[in-house]
Amino acid sequence: MRIFLFFVLIFLFSSIEATGGEADVVGVEVVTDGSGSYRFNVSVSHEDTGWKHYADRWEVLDPDGSVLGTRTLLHPHVDEQPFTRSLSGVKIPESVTEVSIRAHDSVHEYGGLVIRKRLP
């Protein structure tokens, strides 16, 4: 019986760290400087629980899935949800007219809401 309780407790405590779910992109603003370089203002929602489970980056992808830019998030945003961060200087080829923005978290990796955005 003690062994069973031990495993139940391990399961419960490991589940507590993973309750944050997947990171969702909930808003995107794209601004161009007119020379093929863009700034992305991206809002991410994720139930960050601390350093072991938080949204740790978001990425801009071309239609083929190649990463055009990455914004690394250096700390959890436990008390700031959703939060918005920017990435400037993203070079995008003229042939690309639409991008996707996805978020990543330290436990589930990818899988949350992705926003597709037509470039201005």
PDB file of N, CA and C in Angstrom:
ATOM      1  N   MET A   1       0.817  -1.193   0.000  1.00  0.00           N
ATOM      2  CA  MET A   1       0.000   0.000   0.000  1.00  0.00           C
ATOM      3  C   MET A   1       0.864   1.262   0.000  1.00  0.00           C
ATOM      4  N   ARG A   2       1.956   1.233   0.751  1.00  0.00           N
ATOM      5  CA  ARG A   2       2.837   2.398   0.810  1.00  0.00           C
ATOM      6  C   ARG A   2       3.460   2.694  -0.552  1.00  0.00           C
ATOM      7  N   ILE A   3       3.809   1.665  -1.276  1.00  0.00           N
ATOM      8  CA  ILE A   3       4.399   1.872  -2.604  1.00  0.00           C
ATOM      9  C   ILE A   3       3.377   2.528  -3.527  1.00  0.00           C
ATOM     10  N   PHE A   4       2.134   2.069  -3.452  1.00  0.00           N
ATOM     11  CA  PHE A   4       1.082   2.670  -4.266  1.00  0.00           C
ATOM     12  C   PHE A   4       0.924   4.153  -3.935  1.00  0.00           C
ATOM     13  N   LEU A   5       0.858   4.498  -2.659  1.00  0.00           N
ATOM     14  CA  LEU A   5       0.734   5.895  -2.246  1.00  0.00           C
ATOM     15  C   LEU A   5       1.937   6.720  -2.698  1.00  0.00           C
ATOM     16  N   PHE A   6       3.105   6.129  -2.640  1.00  0.00           N
ATOM     17  CA  PHE A   6       4.314   6.814  -3.088  1.00  0.00           C
ATOM     18  C   PHE A   6       4.188   7.212  -4.561  1.00  0.00           C
ATOM     19  N   PHE A   7       3.752   6.288  -5.410  1.00  0.00           N
ATOM     20  CA  PHE A   7       3.604   6.577  -6.836  1.00  0.00           C
ATOM     21  C   PHE A   7       2.476   7.577  -7.102  1.00  0.00           C
ATOM     22  N   VAL A   8       1.423   7.511  -6.338  1.00  0.00           N
ATOM     23  CA  VAL A   8       0.344   8.490  -6.479  1.00  0.00           C
ATOM     24  C   VAL A   8       0.868   9.889  -6.156  1.00  0.00           C
ATOM     25  N   LEU A   9       1.625  10.014  -5.087  1.00  0.00           N
ATOM     26  CA  LEU A   9       2.187  11.316  -4.722  1.00  0.00           C
ATOM     27  C   LEU A   9       3.156  11.833  -5.782  1.00  0.00           C
ATOM     28  N   ILE A  10       3.980  10.958  -6.312  1.00  0.00           N
ATOM     29  CA  ILE A  10       4.898  11.372  -7.387  1.00  0.00           C
ATOM     30  C   ILE A  10       4.102  11.872  -8.579  1.00  0.00           C
ATOM     31  N   PHE A  11       3.059  11.149  -8.962  1.00  0.00           N
ATOM     32  CA  PHE A  11       2.231  11.571 -10.092  1.00  0.00           C
ATOM     33  C   PHE A  11       1.592  12.928  -9.833  1.00  0.00           C
ATOM     34  N   LEU A  12       1.037  13.128  -8.641  1.00  0.00           N
ATOM     35  CA  LEU A  12       0.390  14.395  -8.313  1.00  0.00           C
ATOM     36  C   LEU A  12       1.369  15.558  -8.353  1.00  0.00           C
ATOM     37  N   PHE A  13       2.541  15.396  -7.761  1.00  0.00           N
ATOM     38  CA  PHE A  13       3.511  16.487  -7.743  1.00  0.00           C
ATOM     39  C   PHE A  13       4.084  16.762  -9.122  1.00  0.00           C
ATOM     40  N   SER A  14       4.256  15.748  -9.941  1.00  0.00           N
ATOM     41  CA  SER A  14       4.756  16.000 -11.296  1.00  0.00           C
ATOM     42  C   SER A  14       3.679  16.658 -12.146  1.00  0.00           C
ATOM     43  N   SER A  15       2.415  16.385 -11.879  1.00  0.00           N
ATOM     44  CA  SER A  15       1.325  17.015 -12.625  1.00  0.00           C
ATOM     45  C   SER A  15       1.183  18.487 -12.281  1.00  0.00           C
ATOM     46  N   ILE A  16       1.496  18.855 -11.063  1.00  0.00           N
ATOM     47  CA  ILE A  16       1.375  20.248 -10.653  1.00  0.00           C
ATOM     48  C   ILE A  16       2.275  21.130 -11.508  1.00  0.00           C
ATOM     49  N   GLU A  17       3.485  20.694 -11.802  1.00  0.00           N
ATOM     50  CA  GLU A  17       4.402  21.481 -12.620  1.00  0.00           C
ATOM     51  C   GLU A  17       3.931  21.589 -14.054  1.00  0.00           C
ATOM     52  N   ALA A  18       3.160  20.661 -14.556  1.00  0.00           N
ATOM     53  CA  ALA A  18       2.772  20.635 -15.965  1.00  0.00           C
ATOM     54  C   ALA A  18       1.369  21.159 -16.216  1.00  0.00           C
ATOM     55  N   THR A  19       0.807  21.899 -15.278  1.00  0.00           N
ATOM     56  CA  THR A  19      -0.563  22.362 -15.464  1.00  0.00           C
ATOM     57  C   THR A  19      -0.674  23.599 -16.332  1.00  0.00           C
ATOM     58  N   GLY A  20       0.425  24.173 -16.770  1.00  0.00           N
ATOM     59  CA  GLY A  20       0.395  25.402 -17.537  1.00  0.00           C
ATOM     60  C   GLY A  20      -0.145  25.264 -18.943  1.00  0.00           C
ATOM     61  N   GLY A  21      -0.283  24.066 -19.457  1.00  0.00           N
ATOM     62  CA  GLY A  21      -0.775  23.897 -20.816  1.00  0.00           C
ATOM     63  C   GLY A  21       0.223  24.407 -21.839  1.00  0.00           C
ATOM     64  N   GLU A  22      -0.240  24.531 -23.073  1.00  0.00           N
ATOM     65  CA  GLU A  22       0.615  24.956 -24.176  1.00  0.00           C
ATOM     66  C   GLU A  22       0.576  26.473 -24.328  1.00  0.00           C
ATOM     67  N   ALA A  23       1.608  27.029 -24.914  1.00  0.00           N
ATOM     68  CA  ALA A  23       1.697  28.472 -25.128  1.00  0.00           C
ATOM     69  C   ALA A  23       0.926  28.848 -26.396  1.00  0.00           C
ATOM     70  N   ASP A  24       0.051  29.840 -26.276  1.00  0.00           N
ATOM     71  CA  ASP A  24      -0.781  30.297 -27.390  1.00  0.00           C
ATOM     72  C   ASP A  24      -0.363  31.686 -27.848  1.00  0.00           C
ATOM     73  N   VAL A  25      -0.266  31.874 -29.159  1.00  0.00           N
ATOM     74  CA  VAL A  25      -0.107  33.214 -29.715  1.00  0.00           C
ATOM     75  C   VAL A  25      -1.517  33.779 -29.825  1.00  0.00           C
ATOM     76  N   VAL A  26      -1.760  34.915 -29.174  1.00  0.00           N
ATOM     77  CA  VAL A  26      -3.114  35.487 -29.133  1.00  0.00           C
ATOM     78  C   VAL A  26      -3.220  36.826 -29.850  1.00  0.00           C
ATOM     79  N   GLY A  27      -2.090  37.363 -30.310  1.00  0.00           N
ATOM     80  CA  GLY A  27      -2.123  38.619 -31.042  1.00  0.00           C
ATOM     81  C   GLY A  27      -0.809  38.873 -31.755  1.00  0.00           C
ATOM     82  N   VAL A  28      -0.901  39.480 -32.957  1.00  0.00           N
ATOM     83  CA  VAL A  28       0.294  39.796 -33.735  1.00  0.00           C
ATOM     84  C   VAL A  28       0.087  41.119 -34.456  1.00  0.00           C
ATOM     85  N   GLU A  29       1.069  41.994 -34.329  1.00  0.00           N
ATOM     86  CA  GLU A  29       1.121  43.224 -35.117  1.00  0.00           C
ATOM     87  C   GLU A  29       2.427  43.180 -35.900  1.00  0.00           C
ATOM     88  N   VAL A  30       2.354  43.468 -37.210  1.00  0.00           N
ATOM     89  CA  VAL A  30       3.537  43.452 -38.060  1.00  0.00           C
ATOM     90  C   VAL A  30       3.745  44.850 -38.627  1.00  0.00           C
ATOM     91  N   VAL A  31       4.968  45.351 -38.504  1.00  0.00           N
ATOM     92  CA  VAL A  31       5.323  46.669 -39.018  1.00  0.00           C
ATOM     93  C   VAL A  31       6.541  46.508 -39.916  1.00  0.00           C
ATOM     94  N   THR A  32       6.497  47.133 -41.103  1.00  0.00           N
ATOM     95  CA  THR A  32       7.632  47.050 -42.019  1.00  0.00           C
ATOM     96  C   THR A  32       8.372  48.377 -42.098  1.00  0.00           C
ATOM     97  N   ASP A  33       9.654  48.301 -42.387  1.00  0.00           N
ATOM     98  CA  ASP A  33      10.415  49.529 -42.609  1.00  0.00           C
ATOM     99  C   ASP A  33      10.529  49.834 -44.102  1.00  0.00           C
ATOM    100  N   GLY A  34       9.910  48.986 -44.935  1.00  0.00           N
ATOM    101  CA  GLY A  34       9.900  49.212 -46.374  1.00  0.00           C
ATOM    102  C   GLY A  34      11.074  48.609 -47.122  1.00  0.00           C
ATOM    103  N   SER A  35      12.025  48.032 -46.414  1.00  0.00           N
ATOM    104  CA  SER A  35      13.202  47.470 -47.087  1.00  0.00           C
ATOM    105  C   SER A  35      13.320  45.954 -46.901  1.00  0.00           C
ATOM    106  N   GLY A  36      12.204  45.308 -46.587  1.00  0.00           N
ATOM    107  CA  GLY A  36      12.237  43.860 -46.383  1.00  0.00           C
ATOM    108  C   GLY A  36      12.527  43.441 -44.962  1.00  0.00           C
ATOM    109  N   SER A  37      12.605  44.407 -44.059  1.00  0.00           N
ATOM    110  CA  SER A  37      12.829  44.121 -42.648  1.00  0.00           C
ATOM    111  C   SER A  37      11.550  44.450 -41.880  1.00  0.00           C
ATOM    112  N   TYR A  38      11.197  43.599 -40.924  1.00  0.00           N
ATOM    113  CA  TYR A  38       9.935  43.728 -40.203  1.00  0.00           C
ATOM    114  C   TYR A  38      10.147  43.696 -38.704  1.00  0.00           C
ATOM    115  N   ARG A  39       9.210  44.348 -37.986  1.00  0.00           N
ATOM    116  CA  ARG A  39       9.123  44.228 -36.534  1.00  0.00           C
ATOM    117  C   ARG A  39       7.829  43.494 -36.216  1.00  0.00           C
ATOM    118  N   PHE A  40       7.915  42.523 -35.341  1.00  0.00           N
ATOM    119  CA  PHE A  40       6.755  41.748 -34.903  1.00  0.00           C
ATOM    120  C   PHE A  40       6.499  42.038 -33.434  1.00  0.00           C
ATOM    121  N   ASN A  41       5.275  42.464 -33.121  1.00  0.00           N
ATOM    122  CA  ASN A  41       4.816  42.646 -31.744  1.00  0.00           C
ATOM    123  C   ASN A  41       3.843  41.495 -31.492  1.00  0.00           C
ATOM    124  N   VAL A  42       4.243  40.564 -30.654  1.00  0.00           N
ATOM    125  CA  VAL A  42       3.499  39.315 -30.481  1.00  0.00           C
ATOM    126  C   VAL A  42       3.031  39.174 -29.038  1.00  0.00           C
ATOM    127  N   SER A  43       1.744  38.848 -28.887  1.00  0.00           N
ATOM    128  CA  SER A  43       1.168  38.584 -27.562  1.00  0.00           C
ATOM    129  C   SER A  43       1.021  37.085 -27.373  1.00  0.00           C
ATOM    130  N   VAL A  44       1.500  36.615 -26.242  1.00  0.00           N
ATOM    131  CA  VAL A  44       1.485  35.186 -25.910  1.00  0.00           C
ATOM    132  C   VAL A  44       0.720  35.000 -24.609  1.00  0.00           C
ATOM    133  N   SER A  45      -0.086  33.947 -24.563  1.00  0.00           N
ATOM    134  CA  SER A  45      -0.793  33.576 -23.343  1.00  0.00           C
ATOM    135  C   SER A  45      -0.362  32.168 -22.937  1.00  0.00           C
ATOM    136  N   HIS A  46       0.037  32.027 -21.684  1.00  0.00           N
ATOM    137  CA  HIS A  46       0.457  30.723 -21.160  1.00  0.00           C
ATOM    138  C   HIS A  46       0.396  30.793 -19.644  1.00  0.00           C
ATOM    139  N   GLU A  47      -0.086  29.765 -19.028  1.00  0.00           N
ATOM    140  CA  GLU A  47      -0.181  29.730 -17.568  1.00  0.00           C
ATOM    141  C   GLU A  47       1.179  29.374 -16.967  1.00  0.00           C
ATOM    142  N   ASP A  48       2.121  30.307 -17.083  1.00  0.00           N
ATOM    143  CA  ASP A  48       3.450  30.073 -16.518  1.00  0.00           C
ATOM    144  C   ASP A  48       3.336  29.737 -15.036  1.00  0.00           C
ATOM    145  N   THR A  49       4.050  28.702 -14.618  1.00  0.00           N
ATOM    146  CA  THR A  49       4.033  28.323 -13.206  1.00  0.00           C
ATOM    147  C   THR A  49       5.349  28.626 -12.513  1.00  0.00           C
ATOM    148  N   GLY A  50       6.347  29.051 -13.259  1.00  0.00           N
ATOM    149  CA  GLY A  50       7.672  29.325 -12.713  1.00  0.00           C
ATOM    150  C   GLY A  50       8.742  28.866 -13.683  1.00  0.00           C
ATOM    151  N   TRP A  51       9.968  28.761 -13.189  1.00  0.00           N
ATOM    152  CA  TRP A  51      11.108  28.453 -14.044  1.00  0.00           C
ATOM    153  C   TRP A  51      11.037  27.071 -14.685  1.00  0.00           C
ATOM    154  N   LYS A  52      10.331  26.133 -14.111  1.00  0.00           N
ATOM    155  CA  LYS A  52      10.251  24.785 -14.686  1.00  0.00           C
ATOM    156  C   LYS A  52       9.223  24.669 -15.797  1.00  0.00           C
ATOM    157  N   HIS A  53       8.290  25.639 -15.900  1.00  0.00           N
ATOM    158  CA  HIS A  53       7.259  25.584 -16.938  1.00  0.00           C
ATOM    159  C   HIS A  53       6.817  26.995 -17.300  1.00  0.00           C
ATOM    160  N   TYR A  54       7.357  27.493 -18.406  1.00  0.00           N
ATOM    161  CA  TYR A  54       6.988  28.828 -18.862  1.00  0.00           C
ATOM    162  C   TYR A  54       7.167  28.937 -20.380  1.00  0.00           C
ATOM    163  N   ALA A  55       6.491  29.921 -20.967  1.00  0.00           N
ATOM    164  CA  ALA A  55       6.655  30.208 -22.390  1.00  0.00           C
ATOM    165  C   ALA A  55       8.046  30.801 -22.567  1.00  0.00           C
ATOM    166  N   ASP A  56       8.906  30.116 -23.322  1.00  0.00           N
ATOM    167  CA  ASP A  56      10.305  30.540 -23.397  1.00  0.00           C
ATOM    168  C   ASP A  56      10.734  31.118 -24.749  1.00  0.00           C
ATOM    169  N   ARG A  57       9.826  31.110 -25.747  1.00  0.00           N
ATOM    170  CA  ARG A  57      10.155  31.776 -27.009  1.00  0.00           C
ATOM    171  C   ARG A  57       8.950  31.770 -27.937  1.00  0.00           C
ATOM    172  N   TRP A  58       9.039  32.628 -28.966  1.00  0.00           N
ATOM    173  CA  TRP A  58       8.103  32.554 -30.081  1.00  0.00           C
ATOM    174  C   TRP A  58       8.892  32.736 -31.369  1.00  0.00           C
ATOM    175  N   GLU A  59       8.325  32.224 -32.460  1.00  0.00           N
ATOM    176  CA  GLU A  59       9.042  32.191 -33.731  1.00  0.00           C
ATOM    177  C   GLU A  59       8.164  32.672 -34.876  1.00  0.00           C
ATOM    178  N   VAL A  60       8.822  33.262 -35.870  1.00  0.00           N
ATOM    179  CA  VAL A  60       8.182  33.652 -37.122  1.00  0.00           C
ATOM    180  C   VAL A  60       8.630  32.643 -38.174  1.00  0.00           C
ATOM    181  N   LEU A  61       7.655  32.027 -38.862  1.00  0.00           N
ATOM    182  CA  LEU A  61       7.966  31.001 -39.863  1.00  0.00           C
ATOM    183  C   LEU A  61       7.425  31.376 -41.230  1.00  0.00           C
ATOM    184  N   ASP A  62       8.142  30.964 -42.269  1.00  0.00           N
ATOM    185  CA  ASP A  62       7.629  31.152 -43.627  1.00  0.00           C
ATOM    186  C   ASP A  62       6.644  30.028 -43.933  1.00  0.00           C
ATOM    187  N   PRO A  63       5.956  30.066 -45.077  1.00  0.00           N
ATOM    188  CA  PRO A  63       4.957  29.034 -45.386  1.00  0.00           C
ATOM    189  C   PRO A  63       5.513  27.608 -45.447  1.00  0.00           C
ATOM    190  N   ASP A  64       6.820  27.463 -45.669  1.00  0.00           N
ATOM    191  CA  ASP A  64       7.433  26.131 -45.705  1.00  0.00           C
ATOM    192  C   ASP A  64       7.851  25.637 -44.326  1.00  0.00           C
ATOM    193  N   GLY A  65       7.704  26.483 -43.303  1.00  0.00           N
ATOM    194  CA  GLY A  65       8.062  26.098 -41.943  1.00  0.00           C
ATOM    195  C   GLY A  65       9.466  26.491 -41.526  1.00  0.00           C
ATOM    196  N   SER A  66      10.189  27.198 -42.403  1.00  0.00           N
ATOM    197  CA  SER A  66      11.528  27.660 -42.038  1.00  0.00           C
ATOM    198  C   SER A  66      11.411  28.831 -41.059  1.00  0.00           C
ATOM    199  N   VAL A  67      12.253  28.819 -40.039  1.00  0.00           N
ATOM    200  CA  VAL A  67      12.233  29.870 -39.027  1.00  0.00           C
ATOM    201  C   VAL A  67      12.946  31.108 -39.580  1.00  0.00           C
ATOM    202  N   LEU A  68      12.219  32.226 -39.588  1.00  0.00           N
ATOM    203  CA  LEU A  68      12.762  33.498 -40.072  1.00  0.00           C
ATOM    204  C   LEU A  68      13.261  34.370 -38.925  1.00  0.00           C
ATOM    205  N   GLY A  69      12.709  34.160 -37.743  1.00  0.00           N
ATOM    206  CA  GLY A  69      13.118  34.940 -36.582  1.00  0.00           C
ATOM    207  C   GLY A  69      12.637  34.291 -35.303  1.00  0.00           C
ATOM    208  N   THR A  70      13.414  34.456 -34.231  1.00  0.00           N
ATOM    209  CA  THR A  70      13.072  33.889 -32.927  1.00  0.00           C
ATOM    210  C   THR A  70      13.242  34.951 -31.856  1.00  0.00           C
ATOM    211  N   ARG A  71      12.224  35.073 -31.012  1.00  0.00           N
ATOM    212  CA  ARG A  71      12.297  35.966 -29.843  1.00  0.00           C
ATOM    213  C   ARG A  71      12.371  35.079 -28.612  1.00  0.00           C
ATOM    214  N   THR A  72      13.523  35.060 -27.967  1.00  0.00           N
ATOM    215  CA  THR A  72      13.711  34.273 -26.761  1.00  0.00           C
ATOM    216  C   THR A  72      13.147  35.047 -25.572  1.00  0.00           C
ATOM    217  N   LEU A  73      12.419  34.344 -24.727  1.00  0.00           N
ATOM    218  CA  LEU A  73      11.831  34.921 -23.516  1.00  0.00           C
ATOM    219  C   LEU A  73      12.656  34.405 -22.336  1.00  0.00           C
ATOM    220  N   LEU A  74      13.301  35.296 -21.627  1.00  0.00           N
ATOM    221  CA  LEU A  74      14.330  34.917 -20.674  1.00  0.00           C
ATOM    222  C   LEU A  74      13.841  34.593 -19.271  1.00  0.00           C
ATOM    223  N   HIS A  75      12.534  34.791 -19.015  1.00  0.00           N
ATOM    224  CA  HIS A  75      12.024  34.512 -17.669  1.00  0.00           C
ATOM    225  C   HIS A  75      10.524  34.236 -17.732  1.00  0.00           C
ATOM    226  N   PRO A  76       9.981  33.602 -16.688  1.00  0.00           N
ATOM    227  CA  PRO A  76       8.539  33.350 -16.633  1.00  0.00           C
ATOM    228  C   PRO A  76       7.753  34.654 -16.482  1.00  0.00           C
ATOM    229  N   HIS A  77       6.518  34.635 -16.953  1.00  0.00           N
ATOM    230  CA  HIS A  77       5.603  35.772 -16.829  1.00  0.00           C
ATOM    231  C   HIS A  77       4.380  35.334 -16.023  1.00  0.00           C
ATOM    232  N   VAL A  78       4.624  34.905 -14.799  1.00  0.00           N
ATOM    233  CA  VAL A  78       3.585  34.332 -13.952  1.00  0.00           C
ATOM    234  C   VAL A  78       2.459  35.331 -13.702  1.00  0.00           C
ATOM    235  N   ASP A  79       2.800  36.581 -13.441  1.00  0.00           N
ATOM    236  CA  ASP A  79       1.795  37.588 -13.088  1.00  0.00           C
ATOM    237  C   ASP A  79       1.495  38.561 -14.220  1.00  0.00           C
ATOM    238  N   GLU A  80       1.903  38.246 -15.439  1.00  0.00           N
ATOM    239  CA  GLU A  80       1.681  39.135 -16.588  1.00  0.00           C
ATOM    240  C   GLU A  80       1.151  38.305 -17.754  1.00  0.00           C
ATOM    241  N   GLN A  81      -0.153  38.161 -17.841  1.00  0.00           N
ATOM    242  CA  GLN A  81      -0.762  37.331 -18.876  1.00  0.00           C
ATOM    243  C   GLN A  81      -1.965  38.017 -19.491  1.00  0.00           C
ATOM    244  N   PRO A  82      -2.134  37.991 -20.782  1.00  0.00           N
ATOM    245  CA  PRO A  82      -1.070  37.655 -21.735  1.00  0.00           C
ATOM    246  C   PRO A  82      -0.022  38.758 -21.734  1.00  0.00           C
ATOM    247  N   PHE A  83       1.132  38.504 -22.326  1.00  0.00           N
ATOM    248  CA  PHE A  83       2.198  39.493 -22.397  1.00  0.00           C
ATOM    249  C   PHE A  83       2.609  39.683 -23.855  1.00  0.00           C
ATOM    250  N   THR A  84       3.147  40.866 -24.148  1.00  0.00           N
ATOM    251  CA  THR A  84       3.546  41.202 -25.513  1.00  0.00           C
ATOM    252  C   THR A  84       5.028  41.549 -25.533  1.00  0.00           C
ATOM    253  N   ARG A  85       5.738  40.966 -26.483  1.00  0.00           N
ATOM    254  CA  ARG A  85       7.151  41.264 -26.690  1.00  0.00           C
ATOM    255  C   ARG A  85       7.386  41.465 -28.180  1.00  0.00           C
ATOM    256  N   SER A  86       8.445  42.226 -28.508  1.00  0.00           N
ATOM    257  CA  SER A  86       8.732  42.573 -29.896  1.00  0.00           C
ATOM    258  C   SER A  86      10.039  41.957 -30.367  1.00  0.00           C
ATOM    259  N   LEU A  87      10.117  41.810 -31.676  1.00  0.00           N
ATOM    260  CA  LEU A  87      11.346  41.373 -32.340  1.00  0.00           C
ATOM    261  C   LEU A  87      11.491  42.211 -33.597  1.00  0.00           C
ATOM    262  N   SER A  88      12.590  42.949 -33.696  1.00  0.00           N
ATOM    263  CA  SER A  88      12.834  43.816 -34.842  1.00  0.00           C
ATOM    264  C   SER A  88      13.913  43.226 -35.742  1.00  0.00           C
ATOM    265  N   GLY A  89      13.968  43.743 -36.970  1.00  0.00           N
ATOM    266  CA  GLY A  89      15.025  43.352 -37.895  1.00  0.00           C
ATOM    267  C   GLY A  89      14.846  41.994 -38.532  1.00  0.00           C
ATOM    268  N   VAL A  90      13.615  41.497 -38.578  1.00  0.00           N
ATOM    269  CA  VAL A  90      13.374  40.192 -39.201  1.00  0.00           C
ATOM    270  C   VAL A  90      13.370  40.381 -40.721  1.00  0.00           C
ATOM    271  N   LYS A  91      14.332  39.765 -41.392  1.00  0.00           N
ATOM    272  CA  LYS A  91      14.445  39.854 -42.845  1.00  0.00           C
ATOM    273  C   LYS A  91      13.564  38.777 -43.475  1.00  0.00           C
ATOM    274  N   ILE A  92      12.694  39.204 -44.387  1.00  0.00           N
ATOM    275  CA  ILE A  92      11.774  38.278 -45.039  1.00  0.00           C
ATOM    276  C   ILE A  92      11.902  38.460 -46.553  1.00  0.00           C
ATOM    277  N   PRO A  93      12.122  37.382 -47.282  1.00  0.00           N
ATOM    278  CA  PRO A  93      12.242  37.488 -48.740  1.00  0.00           C
ATOM    279  C   PRO A  93      10.976  38.079 -49.363  1.00  0.00           C
ATOM    280  N   GLU A  94      11.132  38.805 -50.466  1.00  0.00           N
ATOM    281  CA  GLU A  94       9.995  39.425 -51.144  1.00  0.00           C
ATOM    282  C   GLU A  94       8.948  38.405 -51.575  1.00  0.00           C
ATOM    283  N   SER A  95       9.364  37.184 -51.862  1.00  0.00           N
ATOM    284  CA  SER A  95       8.431  36.154 -52.324  1.00  0.00           C
ATOM    285  C   SER A  95       7.485  35.668 -51.226  1.00  0.00           C
ATOM    286  N   VAL A  96       7.803  35.948 -49.971  1.00  0.00           N
ATOM    287  CA  VAL A  96       6.972  35.520 -48.840  1.00  0.00           C
ATOM    288  C   VAL A  96       5.958  36.624 -48.543  1.00  0.00           C
ATOM    289  N   THR A  97       4.679  36.271 -48.606  1.00  0.00           N
ATOM    290  CA  THR A  97       3.617  37.247 -48.369  1.00  0.00           C
ATOM    291  C   THR A  97       2.839  36.974 -47.087  1.00  0.00           C
ATOM    292  N   GLU A  98       3.055  35.801 -46.495  1.00  0.00           N
ATOM    293  CA  GLU A  98       2.340  35.425 -45.280  1.00  0.00           C
ATOM    294  C   GLU A  98       3.277  34.623 -44.391  1.00  0.00           C
ATOM    295  N   VAL A  99       3.178  34.851 -43.085  1.00  0.00           N
ATOM    296  CA  VAL A  99       3.996  34.125 -42.118  1.00  0.00           C
ATOM    297  C   VAL A  99       3.105  33.539 -41.036  1.00  0.00           C
ATOM    298  N   SER A 100       3.654  32.603 -40.293  1.00  0.00           N
ATOM    299  CA  SER A 100       2.985  32.042 -39.124  1.00  0.00           C
ATOM    300  C   SER A 100       3.834  32.362 -37.908  1.00  0.00           C
ATOM    301  N   ILE A 101       3.160  32.619 -36.796  1.00  0.00           N
ATOM    302  CA  ILE A 101       3.853  32.884 -35.543  1.00  0.00           C
ATOM    303  C   ILE A 101       3.388  31.839 -34.541  1.00  0.00           C
ATOM    304  N   ARG A 102       4.346  31.118 -33.971  1.00  0.00           N
ATOM    305  CA  ARG A 102       4.028  30.079 -32.984  1.00  0.00           C
ATOM    306  C   ARG A 102       4.847  30.310 -31.728  1.00  0.00           C
ATOM    307  N   ALA A 103       4.304  29.856 -30.607  1.00  0.00           N
ATOM    308  CA  ALA A 103       4.994  29.986 -29.322  1.00  0.00           C
ATOM    309  C   ALA A 103       5.468  28.609 -28.852  1.00  0.00           C
ATOM    310  N   HIS A 104       6.407  28.620 -27.957  1.00  0.00           N
ATOM    311  CA  HIS A 104       7.025  27.399 -27.426  1.00  0.00           C
ATOM    312  C   HIS A 104       7.060  27.526 -25.910  1.00  0.00           C
ATOM    313  N   ASP A 105       6.817  26.425 -25.213  1.00  0.00           N
ATOM    314  CA  ASP A 105       7.003  26.450 -23.768  1.00  0.00           C
ATOM    315  C   ASP A 105       7.958  25.349 -23.347  1.00  0.00           C
ATOM    316  N   SER A 106       8.508  25.491 -22.167  1.00  0.00           N
ATOM    317  CA  SER A 106       9.595  24.627 -21.714  1.00  0.00           C
ATOM    318  C   SER A 106       9.178  23.188 -21.414  1.00  0.00           C
ATOM    319  N   VAL A 107       7.894  22.904 -21.350  1.00  0.00           N
ATOM    320  CA  VAL A 107       7.435  21.536 -21.071  1.00  0.00           C
ATOM    321  C   VAL A 107       6.801  20.900 -22.304  1.00  0.00           C
ATOM    322  N   HIS A 108       5.803  21.554 -22.882  1.00  0.00           N
ATOM    323  CA  HIS A 108       5.054  20.971 -23.994  1.00  0.00           C
ATOM    324  C   HIS A 108       5.671  21.265 -25.362  1.00  0.00           C
ATOM    325  N   GLU A 109       6.641  22.153 -25.397  1.00  0.00           N
ATOM    326  CA  GLU A 109       7.263  22.625 -26.626  1.00  0.00           C
ATOM    327  C   GLU A 109       6.220  23.350 -27.481  1.00  0.00           C
ATOM    328  N   TYR A 110       5.866  22.820 -28.661  1.00  0.00           N
ATOM    329  CA  TYR A 110       4.892  23.479 -29.538  1.00  0.00           C
ATOM    330  C   TYR A 110       3.528  22.811 -29.396  1.00  0.00           C
ATOM    331  N   GLY A 111       2.512  23.429 -29.975  1.00  0.00           N
ATOM    332  CA  GLY A 111       1.194  22.810 -29.968  1.00  0.00           C
ATOM    333  C   GLY A 111       0.073  23.761 -29.639  1.00  0.00           C
ATOM    334  N   GLY A 112       0.384  24.941 -29.173  1.00  0.00           N
ATOM    335  CA  GLY A 112      -0.646  25.918 -28.857  1.00  0.00           C
ATOM    336  C   GLY A 112      -1.159  26.620 -30.108  1.00  0.00           C
ATOM    337  N   LEU A 113      -1.952  27.664 -29.898  1.00  0.00           N
ATOM    338  CA  LEU A 113      -2.518  28.419 -31.020  1.00  0.00           C
ATOM    339  C   LEU A 113      -1.428  29.112 -31.823  1.00  0.00           C
ATOM    340  N   VAL A 114      -1.558  29.019 -33.150  1.00  0.00           N
ATOM    341  CA  VAL A 114      -0.643  29.656 -34.097  1.00  0.00           C
ATOM    342  C   VAL A 114      -1.441  30.697 -34.870  1.00  0.00           C
ATOM    343  N   ILE A 115      -0.839  31.851 -35.114  1.00  0.00           N
ATOM    344  CA  ILE A 115      -1.505  32.879 -35.918  1.00  0.00           C
ATOM    345  C   ILE A 115      -0.775  33.021 -37.245  1.00  0.00           C
ATOM    346  N   ARG A 116      -1.544  32.978 -38.316  1.00  0.00           N
ATOM    347  CA  ARG A 116      -1.026  33.270 -39.654  1.00  0.00           C
ATOM    348  C   ARG A 116      -1.322  34.726 -39.959  1.00  0.00           C
ATOM    349  N   LYS A 117      -0.328  35.421 -40.486  1.00  0.00           N
ATOM    350  CA  LYS A 117      -0.478  36.852 -40.720  1.00  0.00           C
ATOM    351  C   LYS A 117       0.047  37.220 -42.102  1.00  0.00           C
ATOM    352  N   ARG A 118      -0.784  37.970 -42.829  1.00  0.00           N
ATOM    353  CA  ARG A 118      -0.372  38.505 -44.133  1.00  0.00           C
ATOM    354  C   ARG A 118       0.533  39.708 -43.882  1.00  0.00           C
ATOM    355  N   LEU A 119       1.632  39.792 -44.607  1.00  0.00           N
ATOM    356  CA  LEU A 119       2.566  40.888 -44.420  1.00  0.00           C
ATOM    357  C   LEU A 119       2.031  42.170 -45.032  1.00  0.00           C
ATOM    358  N   PRO A 120       2.313  43.325 -44.411  1.00  0.00           N
ATOM    359  CA  PRO A 120       1.846  44.600 -44.953  1.00  0.00           C
ATOM    360  C   PRO A 120       2.623  45.000 -46.208  1.00  0.00           C
TER     361      PRO A 120
END
